[in-house]
Structures are given as C-alpha cells and as structure tokens.
Amino acid sequence: MNVSEKNSAVSAAVVMTGVDKSFGEADSRTHVLKKTDFEARLGELLMLVGPSGCGKTTLLSILAGTLETDDGSVHVLGHDLRAMKKSAITKFRASHIGFIFQQFNLIPTLSVAENVSVPLLIQGVSSGKAEAKAREILELVGIGEKARMRPGKLSGGQQQRVAIARALVHEPALLVCDEPTSALDSENGHIVMELLRQHARQSNRTVIVVTHDPRIYKFADRMAEMEDGRILRVLGSPAEIAAAHPGQP
C-alpha cells in the first residue's frame, strides 16, 4: 500500500466496492445495486442524491448493516461488515451508528424524552443520565418544551426533530439520514442541517444524507449523484456542487 492509499484508508469512514443487491426471484428479480462503489470520509457531510428508486435507501441500509449485500465488500469505520456475525453487527450499530428515518419510527407509548433516551439506554447509561442528555439535545433542536409529551401529540415536523435528536444523542461516529428535512419548513430545516454539519465537522465523525431537498445542498461537503443502481459522479467540493446545481437557495 502506497502513502496515498494508506491516507485514503485512514480517512475513509465507509468504503463499498462492487456491491450488488437484488430483490425477488426469477423473472420478478429486481437488480437494485449494480457493482456500486461508494466512499464517505471522516469529518464530512456527504449528500447522496438521485431519482426515486435508484437505490439510495438500499445503499444506506447496506452500509448501516441492516441489509446484507449479494456481492462486493462493505467496510464501515474499519470493520468488514460481511465478515461479522449478525449479533456483532447489531452491537456495532448500536454503539457507532445513528439513524434518521423518513418514517420517524418513534415509540408511541414513550414520552419524547424517553424516545430520545433509547440509544443511551441500549448502551447501559442510567435512565437519569440518559434523560438529562435527551433533554439537552431536544433543546438544541428547538423542542425542549415537548419532552414530556407523547409523539402522537406532535406535528410531523416536531416528530422529525425528535427523530433527529434521538439519532444525535449518543454522538455516533456515523450518522445516516434518509430525507431528514422532508417534514420541516425552511427555518427548521436550516437549524437541523446546522446541527448535522457541526456533528460532521468533528474529525472522527461522518454524516451521510439522502435527500431530494435542494434547499439543503449548500450544507454538503461533497455530493454523490446516483442513478440506476450506480454512483454516476461525485462532486468533490461545495463549489462543484454549486456549479452543478445552479440557482439552488
């Protein structure tokens, strides 16, 4: 390994090479990822964009260890996911990866603060410390006053911010976000993206955002454009992103 390859390996949070993924059987089989290569670096906010159905969510699920690949290699934070047992991946994911889902996936019987506390409780943090940290993060996303409420009493945008707080509360090394601003207005979307960018600015952390929202392109350090199961190109700087997508707010 030469010096440049070694430095690349050190700076890479996610490296996927030649990844294939299909769903279904025989004539109904759909090839979603096609020898896909993908890389995300430590200390960056990387956006993944492309038309619906191009494979973005499948790619996220594979790099997060919630979906197995048919072929190819998947290395995340120095771990070879294909070589790990499911139980080991589950523990690894709980400790090192945070998720922001489109569907929120909040637990309706728990309060907002209790929902946000869950990742810390899984790690063995005491309930008192976990809830105190949860309330701190809820203040950062602008809904600290909702801590005692149930998710069903909140608007869609407020539930989205709870989901974001839950993803941030255990300070994951890798944060995976599927349309994090889809339910937010421009002002609250800006607040959330600033939080995500601050998280990514730390040298040992990475944020990957799948989005169709051009309002937030300006927050990306790099952008991977995807189509038909492959990464078509990577825009390597904010200037390249702005040039490729002119007129975005």
C-alpha atoms as a PDB file:
ATOM      1  CA  MET A   1       0.000   0.000   0.000  1.00  0.00           C
ATOM      2  CA  ASN A   2       1.491   3.355  -1.017  1.00  0.00           C
ATOM      3  CA  VAL A   3       1.241   6.527   1.087  1.00  0.00           C
ATOM      4  CA  SER A   4      -1.801   7.947  -0.735  1.00  0.00           C
ATOM      5  CA  GLU A   5      -3.687   4.648  -0.416  1.00  0.00           C
ATOM      6  CA  LYS A   6      -2.832   4.446   3.269  1.00  0.00           C
ATOM      7  CA  ASN A   7      -4.036   8.001   3.894  1.00  0.00           C
ATOM      8  CA  SER A   8      -7.247   7.280   1.995  1.00  0.00           C
ATOM      9  CA  ALA A   9      -7.885   4.185   4.113  1.00  0.00           C
ATOM     10  CA  VAL A  10      -7.316   6.168   7.315  1.00  0.00           C
ATOM     11  CA  SER A  11      -9.690   8.982   6.260  1.00  0.00           C
ATOM     12  CA  ALA A  12     -12.469   6.720   4.957  1.00  0.00           C
ATOM     13  CA  ALA A  13     -15.469   6.063   7.197  1.00  0.00           C
ATOM     14  CA  VAL A  14     -17.313   3.943   4.620  1.00  0.00           C
ATOM     15  CA  VAL A  15     -15.863   2.068   1.645  1.00  0.00           C
ATOM     16  CA  MET A  16     -18.198  -0.038  -0.516  1.00  0.00           C
ATOM     17  CA  THR A  17     -16.703  -1.759  -3.552  1.00  0.00           C
ATOM     18  CA  GLY A  18     -18.503  -3.698  -6.281  1.00  0.00           C
ATOM     19  CA  VAL A  19     -21.691  -4.035  -4.257  1.00  0.00           C
ATOM     20  CA  ASP A  20     -24.610  -5.921  -5.825  1.00  0.00           C
ATOM     21  CA  LYS A  21     -28.096  -6.205  -4.371  1.00  0.00           C
ATOM     22  CA  SER A  22     -31.236  -7.730  -5.877  1.00  0.00           C
ATOM     23  CA  PHE A  23     -34.732  -8.404  -4.577  1.00  0.00           C
ATOM     24  CA  GLY A  24     -37.233 -11.052  -5.671  1.00  0.00           C
ATOM     25  CA  GLU A  25     -36.805 -14.331  -7.518  1.00  0.00           C
ATOM     26  CA  ALA A  26     -36.541 -15.498 -11.136  1.00  0.00           C
ATOM     27  CA  ASP A  27     -38.486 -13.288 -13.567  1.00  0.00           C
ATOM     28  CA  SER A  28     -39.566 -10.913 -10.806  1.00  0.00           C
ATOM     29  CA  ARG A  29     -35.985 -10.296  -9.648  1.00  0.00           C
ATOM     30  CA  THR A  30     -35.033  -6.604  -9.482  1.00  0.00           C
ATOM     31  CA  HIS A  31     -31.363  -5.617  -9.575  1.00  0.00           C
ATOM     32  CA  VAL A  32     -31.178  -2.551  -7.330  1.00  0.00           C
ATOM     33  CA  LEU A  33     -27.419  -2.036  -6.845  1.00  0.00           C
ATOM     34  CA  LYS A  34     -25.068  -2.893  -9.705  1.00  0.00           C
ATOM     35  CA  LYS A  35     -21.380  -3.195  -8.851  1.00  0.00           C
ATOM     36  CA  THR A  36     -21.728   0.001  -6.861  1.00  0.00           C
ATOM     37  CA  ASP A  37     -18.684   1.787  -5.447  1.00  0.00           C
ATOM     38  CA  PHE A  38     -19.198   4.329  -2.666  1.00  0.00           C
ATOM     39  CA  GLU A  39     -16.992   6.161  -0.179  1.00  0.00           C
ATOM     40  CA  ALA A  40     -17.680   8.539   2.705  1.00  0.00           C
ATOM     41  CA  ARG A  41     -14.883  10.241   4.601  1.00  0.00           C
ATOM     42  CA  LEU A  42     -14.349  11.061   8.233  1.00  0.00           C
ATOM     43  CA  GLY A  43     -15.144  14.670   9.092  1.00  0.00           C
ATOM     44  CA  GLU A  44     -17.556  15.316   6.215  1.00  0.00           C
ATOM     45  CA  LEU A  45     -21.217  15.729   5.436  1.00  0.00           C
ATOM     46  CA  LEU A  46     -21.834  13.787   2.237  1.00  0.00           C
ATOM     47  CA  MET A  47     -25.117  14.047   0.359  1.00  0.00           C
ATOM     48  CA  LEU A  48     -26.449  11.205  -1.756  1.00  0.00           C
ATOM     49  CA  VAL A  49     -28.910  12.350  -4.415  1.00  0.00           C
ATOM     50  CA  GLY A  50     -30.753  10.804  -7.339  1.00  0.00           C
ATOM     51  CA  PRO A  51     -34.238   9.934  -8.587  1.00  0.00           C
ATOM     52  CA  SER A  52     -36.633   7.816  -6.542  1.00  0.00           C
ATOM     53  CA  GLY A  53     -35.958   4.111  -6.982  1.00  0.00           C
ATOM     54  CA  CYS A  54     -32.311   4.488  -7.982  1.00  0.00           C
ATOM     55  CA  GLY A  55     -31.048   2.537  -4.940  1.00  0.00           C
ATOM     56  CA  LYS A  56     -30.198   5.236  -2.400  1.00  0.00           C
ATOM     57  CA  THR A  57     -32.106   3.769   0.545  1.00  0.00           C
ATOM     58  CA  THR A  58     -30.839   0.269  -0.242  1.00  0.00           C
ATOM     59  CA  LEU A  59     -27.281   1.570  -0.232  1.00  0.00           C
ATOM     60  CA  LEU A  60     -27.865   3.238   3.159  1.00  0.00           C
ATOM     61  CA  SER A  61     -29.335   0.034   4.587  1.00  0.00           C
ATOM     62  CA  ILE A  62     -26.311  -1.975   3.469  1.00  0.00           C
ATOM     63  CA  LEU A  63     -23.698   0.395   4.858  1.00  0.00           C
ATOM     64  CA  ALA A  64     -25.661   0.557   8.121  1.00  0.00           C
ATOM     65  CA  GLY A  65     -25.650  -3.224   8.408  1.00  0.00           C
ATOM     66  CA  THR A  66     -29.437  -3.633   8.343  1.00  0.00           C
ATOM     67  CA  LEU A  67     -29.392  -5.293   4.910  1.00  0.00           C
ATOM     68  CA  GLU A  68     -26.965  -7.856   3.521  1.00  0.00           C
ATOM     69  CA  THR A  69     -25.312  -7.397   0.137  1.00  0.00           C
ATOM     70  CA  ASP A  70     -25.319 -10.137  -2.504  1.00  0.00           C
ATOM     71  CA  ASP A  71     -21.752  -9.387  -3.551  1.00  0.00           C
ATOM     72  CA  GLY A  72     -18.957  -6.868  -3.031  1.00  0.00           C
ATOM     73  CA  SER A  73     -17.193  -5.528   0.056  1.00  0.00           C
ATOM     74  CA  VAL A  74     -18.527  -3.200   2.757  1.00  0.00           C
ATOM     75  CA  HIS A  75     -16.162  -1.620   5.270  1.00  0.00           C
ATOM     76  CA  VAL A  76     -17.566   0.772   7.879  1.00  0.00           C
ATOM     77  CA  LEU A  77     -15.387   2.539  10.449  1.00  0.00           C
ATOM     78  CA  GLY A  78     -12.668  -0.043   9.852  1.00  0.00           C
ATOM     79  CA  HIS A  79     -14.984  -3.058  10.198  1.00  0.00           C
ATOM     80  CA  ASP A  80     -15.678  -5.566   7.431  1.00  0.00           C
ATOM     81  CA  LEU A  81     -19.449  -5.987   7.775  1.00  0.00           C
ATOM     82  CA  ARG A  82     -19.586  -9.069   5.546  1.00  0.00           C
ATOM     83  CA  ALA A  83     -17.177 -10.862   7.897  1.00  0.00           C
ATOM     84  CA  MET A  84     -19.148 -10.045  11.047  1.00  0.00           C
ATOM     85  CA  LYS A  85     -21.889 -12.109  12.674  1.00  0.00           C
ATOM     86  CA  LYS A  86     -25.332 -10.527  12.895  1.00  0.00           C
ATOM     87  CA  SER A  87     -25.063 -10.202  16.673  1.00  0.00           C
ATOM     88  CA  ALA A  88     -21.742  -8.355  16.340  1.00  0.00           C
ATOM     89  CA  ILE A  89     -23.193  -6.027  13.700  1.00  0.00           C
ATOM     90  CA  THR A  90     -26.131  -5.253  15.980  1.00  0.00           C
ATOM     91  CA  LYS A  91     -23.794  -4.259  18.837  1.00  0.00           C
ATOM     92  CA  PHE A  92     -21.566  -2.290  16.484  1.00  0.00           C
ATOM     93  CA  ARG A  93     -24.539  -0.426  15.045  1.00  0.00           C
ATOM     94  CA  ALA A  94     -25.927   0.429  18.497  1.00  0.00           C
ATOM     95  CA  SER A  95     -22.608   1.929  19.587  1.00  0.00           C
ATOM     96  CA  HIS A  96     -21.388   3.665  16.449  1.00  0.00           C
ATOM     97  CA  ILE A  97     -24.240   4.432  14.032  1.00  0.00           C
ATOM     98  CA  GLY A  98     -27.169   6.832  14.338  1.00  0.00           C
ATOM     99  CA  PHE A  99     -30.231   6.806  12.074  1.00  0.00           C
ATOM    100  CA  ILE A 100     -32.725   9.396  10.946  1.00  0.00           C
ATOM    101  CA  PHE A 101     -35.595   7.665   9.138  1.00  0.00           C
ATOM    102  CA  GLN A 102     -38.264   9.176   6.888  1.00  0.00           C
ATOM    103  CA  GLN A 103     -40.941   7.373   8.897  1.00  0.00           C
ATOM    104  CA  PHE A 104     -39.582   8.645  12.268  1.00  0.00           C
ATOM    105  CA  ASN A 105     -40.093   5.199  13.968  1.00  0.00           C
ATOM    106  CA  LEU A 106     -40.898   6.753  17.338  1.00  0.00           C
ATOM    107  CA  ILE A 107     -42.362   4.579  20.112  1.00  0.00           C
ATOM    108  CA  PRO A 108     -45.894   5.914  20.741  1.00  0.00           C
ATOM    109  CA  THR A 109     -46.128   4.738  24.360  1.00  0.00           C
ATOM    110  CA  LEU A 110     -42.961   6.596  25.415  1.00  0.00           C
ATOM    111  CA  SER A 111     -42.577  10.307  26.014  1.00  0.00           C
ATOM    112  CA  VAL A 112     -40.463  12.404  23.674  1.00  0.00           C
ATOM    113  CA  ALA A 113     -37.553  12.421  26.146  1.00  0.00           C
ATOM    114  CA  GLU A 114     -37.835   8.663  26.644  1.00  0.00           C
ATOM    115  CA  ASN A 115     -37.762   8.099  22.891  1.00  0.00           C
ATOM    116  CA  VAL A 116     -34.601  10.164  22.584  1.00  0.00           C
ATOM    117  CA  SER A 117     -33.033   8.307  25.538  1.00  0.00           C
ATOM    118  CA  VAL A 118     -33.333   4.864  23.912  1.00  0.00           C
ATOM    119  CA  PRO A 119     -29.870   4.729  22.215  1.00  0.00           C
ATOM    120  CA  LEU A 120     -28.202   5.614  25.523  1.00  0.00           C
ATOM    121  CA  LEU A 121     -30.218   3.049  27.490  1.00  0.00           C
ATOM    122  CA  ILE A 122     -29.165   0.374  24.989  1.00  0.00           C
ATOM    123  CA  GLN A 123     -25.554   1.273  25.793  1.00  0.00           C
ATOM    124  CA  GLY A 124     -26.189   0.854  29.527  1.00  0.00           C
ATOM    125  CA  VAL A 125     -26.408   4.521  30.522  1.00  0.00           C
ATOM    126  CA  SER A 126     -28.591   5.067  33.597  1.00  0.00           C
ATOM    127  CA  SER A 127     -32.115   6.323  32.933  1.00  0.00           C
ATOM    128  CA  GLY A 128     -31.453   9.577  34.820  1.00  0.00           C
ATOM    129  CA  LYS A 129     -28.331  10.446  32.834  1.00  0.00           C
ATOM    130  CA  ALA A 130     -29.935   9.320  29.586  1.00  0.00           C
ATOM    131  CA  GLU A 131     -32.975  11.539  30.070  1.00  0.00           C
ATOM    132  CA  ALA A 132     -30.832  14.526  31.057  1.00  0.00           C
ATOM    133  CA  LYS A 133     -28.814  14.143  27.850  1.00  0.00           C
ATOM    134  CA  ALA A 134     -32.024  13.674  25.857  1.00  0.00           C
ATOM    135  CA  ARG A 135     -33.448  16.934  27.196  1.00  0.00           C
ATOM    136  CA  GLU A 136     -30.213  18.727  26.304  1.00  0.00           C
ATOM    137  CA  ILE A 137     -30.424  17.528  22.684  1.00  0.00           C
ATOM    138  CA  LEU A 138     -34.138  18.357  22.481  1.00  0.00           C
ATOM    139  CA  GLU A 139     -33.295  21.938  23.428  1.00  0.00           C
ATOM    140  CA  LEU A 140     -30.759  22.067  20.594  1.00  0.00           C
ATOM    141  CA  VAL A 141     -33.368  21.017  18.026  1.00  0.00           C
ATOM    142  CA  GLY A 142     -35.855  23.541  19.413  1.00  0.00           C
ATOM    143  CA  ILE A 143     -38.459  21.349  21.117  1.00  0.00           C
ATOM    144  CA  GLY A 144     -37.241  21.080  24.697  1.00  0.00           C
ATOM    145  CA  GLU A 145     -40.693  22.071  25.949  1.00  0.00           C
ATOM    146  CA  LYS A 146     -42.177  18.926  24.354  1.00  0.00           C
ATOM    147  CA  ALA A 147     -40.038  16.490  26.383  1.00  0.00           C
ATOM    148  CA  ARG A 148     -42.915  15.052  28.444  1.00  0.00           C
ATOM    149  CA  MET A 149     -45.397  14.716  25.569  1.00  0.00           C
ATOM    150  CA  ARG A 150     -46.177  11.588  23.571  1.00  0.00           C
ATOM    151  CA  PRO A 151     -45.132  11.596  19.891  1.00  0.00           C
ATOM    152  CA  GLY A 152     -48.747  11.326  18.737  1.00  0.00           C
ATOM    153  CA  LYS A 153     -49.437  14.803  20.122  1.00  0.00           C
ATOM    154  CA  LEU A 154     -46.749  16.385  17.923  1.00  0.00           C
ATOM    155  CA  SER A 155     -46.840  17.667  14.369  1.00  0.00           C
ATOM    156  CA  GLY A 156     -44.909  15.841  11.647  1.00  0.00           C
ATOM    157  CA  GLY A 157     -42.138  18.421  11.766  1.00  0.00           C
ATOM    158  CA  GLN A 158     -41.847  18.121  15.540  1.00  0.00           C
ATOM    159  CA  GLN A 159     -41.706  14.331  15.299  1.00  0.00           C
ATOM    160  CA  GLN A 160     -38.919  14.683  12.729  1.00  0.00           C
ATOM    161  CA  ARG A 161     -36.922  16.785  15.185  1.00  0.00           C
ATOM    162  CA  VAL A 162     -37.436  14.151  17.896  1.00  0.00           C
ATOM    163  CA  ALA A 163     -36.072  11.528  15.494  1.00  0.00           C
ATOM    164  CA  ILE A 164     -33.070  13.745  14.778  1.00  0.00           C
ATOM    165  CA  ALA A 165     -32.428  14.286  18.493  1.00  0.00           C
ATOM    166  CA  ARG A 166     -32.583  10.516  19.063  1.00  0.00           C
ATOM    167  CA  ALA A 167     -30.014   9.968  16.304  1.00  0.00           C
ATOM    168  CA  LEU A 168     -27.628  12.547  17.768  1.00  0.00           C
ATOM    169  CA  VAL A 169     -27.956  11.753  21.473  1.00  0.00           C
ATOM    170  CA  HIS A 170     -25.243   9.063  21.665  1.00  0.00           C
ATOM    171  CA  GLU A 171     -22.851  11.062  19.429  1.00  0.00           C
ATOM    172  CA  PRO A 172     -22.436   8.349  16.779  1.00  0.00           C
ATOM    173  CA  ALA A 173     -19.329   8.157  14.637  1.00  0.00           C
ATOM    174  CA  LEU A 174     -21.545   7.597  11.588  1.00  0.00           C
ATOM    175  CA  LEU A 175     -24.899   9.316  11.188  1.00  0.00           C
ATOM    176  CA  VAL A 176     -27.143   8.040   8.381  1.00  0.00           C
ATOM    177  CA  CYS A 177     -30.038  10.304   7.380  1.00  0.00           C
ATOM    178  CA  ASP A 178     -32.891   9.483   4.992  1.00  0.00           C
ATOM    179  CA  GLU A 179     -34.642  12.741   3.991  1.00  0.00           C
ATOM    180  CA  PRO A 180     -34.030  14.496   7.349  1.00  0.00           C
ATOM    181  CA  THR A 181     -35.711  17.758   6.269  1.00  0.00           C
ATOM    182  CA  SER A 182     -38.697  16.307   4.383  1.00  0.00           C
ATOM    183  CA  ALA A 183     -41.196  17.327   7.078  1.00  0.00           C
ATOM    184  CA  LEU A 184     -39.548  20.623   8.026  1.00  0.00           C
ATOM    185  CA  ASP A 185     -40.053  24.192   6.883  1.00  0.00           C
ATOM    186  CA  SER A 186     -37.081  26.205   5.650  1.00  0.00           C
ATOM    187  CA  GLU A 187     -36.207  27.724   9.047  1.00  0.00           C
ATOM    188  CA  ASN A 188     -36.277  24.463  10.992  1.00  0.00           C
ATOM    189  CA  GLY A 189     -34.563  22.620   8.145  1.00  0.00           C
ATOM    190  CA  HIS A 190     -31.735  25.137   8.377  1.00  0.00           C
ATOM    191  CA  ILE A 191     -31.452  24.606  12.161  1.00  0.00           C
ATOM    192  CA  VAL A 192     -31.300  20.830  11.748  1.00  0.00           C
ATOM    193  CA  MET A 193     -28.747  20.957   8.944  1.00  0.00           C
ATOM    194  CA  GLU A 194     -26.513  23.237  11.002  1.00  0.00           C
ATOM    195  CA  LEU A 195     -26.590  20.633  13.786  1.00  0.00           C
ATOM    196  CA  LEU A 196     -25.755  17.863  11.347  1.00  0.00           C
ATOM    197  CA  ARG A 197     -22.934  19.898   9.835  1.00  0.00           C
ATOM    198  CA  GLN A 198     -21.496  20.630  13.284  1.00  0.00           C
ATOM    199  CA  HIS A 199     -21.619  16.915  14.044  1.00  0.00           C
ATOM    200  CA  ALA A 200     -19.802  16.136  10.793  1.00  0.00           C
ATOM    201  CA  ARG A 201     -17.123  18.757  11.411  1.00  0.00           C
ATOM    202  CA  GLN A 202     -15.622  16.623  14.151  1.00  0.00           C
ATOM    203  CA  SER A 203     -12.704  14.696  12.659  1.00  0.00           C
ATOM    204  CA  ASN A 204     -13.837  11.247  13.806  1.00  0.00           C
ATOM    205  CA  ARG A 205     -17.443  11.552  12.605  1.00  0.00           C
ATOM    206  CA  THR A 206     -19.319  11.309   9.329  1.00  0.00           C
ATOM    207  CA  VAL A 207     -22.812  12.304   8.224  1.00  0.00           C
ATOM    208  CA  ILE A 208     -24.459  10.806   5.123  1.00  0.00           C
ATOM    209  CA  VAL A 209     -27.684  12.473   3.972  1.00  0.00           C
ATOM    210  CA  VAL A 210     -30.033  11.102   1.332  1.00  0.00           C
ATOM    211  CA  THR A 211     -32.191  13.964   0.091  1.00  0.00           C
ATOM    212  CA  HIS A 212     -34.432  15.323  -2.645  1.00  0.00           C
ATOM    213  CA  ASP A 213     -34.401  18.748  -0.972  1.00  0.00           C
ATOM    214  CA  PRO A 214     -32.316  21.271  -2.973  1.00  0.00           C
ATOM    215  CA  ARG A 215     -32.656  23.818  -0.139  1.00  0.00           C
ATOM    216  CA  ILE A 216     -30.011  21.925   1.833  1.00  0.00           C
ATOM    217  CA  TYR A 217     -27.423  21.250  -0.896  1.00  0.00           C
ATOM    218  CA  LYS A 218     -25.336  24.142   0.425  1.00  0.00           C
ATOM    219  CA  PHE A 219     -24.611  22.195   3.632  1.00  0.00           C
ATOM    220  CA  ALA A 220     -22.777  19.381   1.804  1.00  0.00           C
ATOM    221  CA  ASP A 221     -19.006  18.992   1.707  1.00  0.00           C
ATOM    222  CA  ARG A 222     -19.352  16.504  -1.163  1.00  0.00           C
ATOM    223  CA  MET A 223     -22.227  15.082  -3.167  1.00  0.00           C
ATOM    224  CA  ALA A 224     -22.604  11.638  -4.739  1.00  0.00           C
ATOM    225  CA  GLU A 225     -25.097  11.507  -7.610  1.00  0.00           C
ATOM    226  CA  MET A 226     -26.775   8.152  -8.107  1.00  0.00           C
ATOM    227  CA  GLU A 227     -28.851   6.691 -10.918  1.00  0.00           C
ATOM    228  CA  ASP A 228     -29.994   3.180 -11.859  1.00  0.00           C
ATOM    229  CA  GLY A 229     -28.102   1.437  -9.054  1.00  0.00           C
ATOM    230  CA  ARG A 230     -24.746   3.137  -9.555  1.00  0.00           C
ATOM    231  CA  ILE A 231     -22.869   6.242  -8.443  1.00  0.00           C
ATOM    232  CA  LEU A 232     -22.599   8.333 -11.621  1.00  0.00           C
ATOM    233  CA  ARG A 233     -20.288  11.035 -10.293  1.00  0.00           C
ATOM    234  CA  VAL A 234     -19.039  12.643  -7.087  1.00  0.00           C
ATOM    235  CA  LEU A 235     -18.917  16.406  -6.744  1.00  0.00           C
ATOM    236  CA  GLY A 236     -15.863  16.965  -4.577  1.00  0.00           C
ATOM    237  CA  SER A 237     -16.452  20.395  -3.034  1.00  0.00           C
ATOM    238  CA  PRO A 238     -19.193  22.936  -2.219  1.00  0.00           C
ATOM    239  CA  ALA A 239     -18.038  24.947  -5.240  1.00  0.00           C
ATOM    240  CA  GLU A 240     -18.510  21.957  -7.557  1.00  0.00           C
ATOM    241  CA  ILE A 241     -21.944  21.298  -6.065  1.00  0.00           C
ATOM    242  CA  ALA A 242     -23.000  24.918  -6.580  1.00  0.00           C
ATOM    243  CA  ALA A 243     -21.744  24.878 -10.163  1.00  0.00           C
ATOM    244  CA  ALA A 244     -23.557  21.617 -10.963  1.00  0.00           C
ATOM    245  CA  HIS A 245     -26.803  22.734  -9.316  1.00  0.00           C
ATOM    246  CA  PRO A 246     -27.047  26.485 -10.029  1.00  0.00           C
ATOM    247  CA  GLY A 247     -29.885  28.552  -8.673  1.00  0.00           C
ATOM    248  CA  GLN A 248     -30.342  26.496  -5.508  1.00  0.00           C
ATOM    249  CA  PRO A 249     -31.134  28.518  -2.357  1.00  0.00           C
END
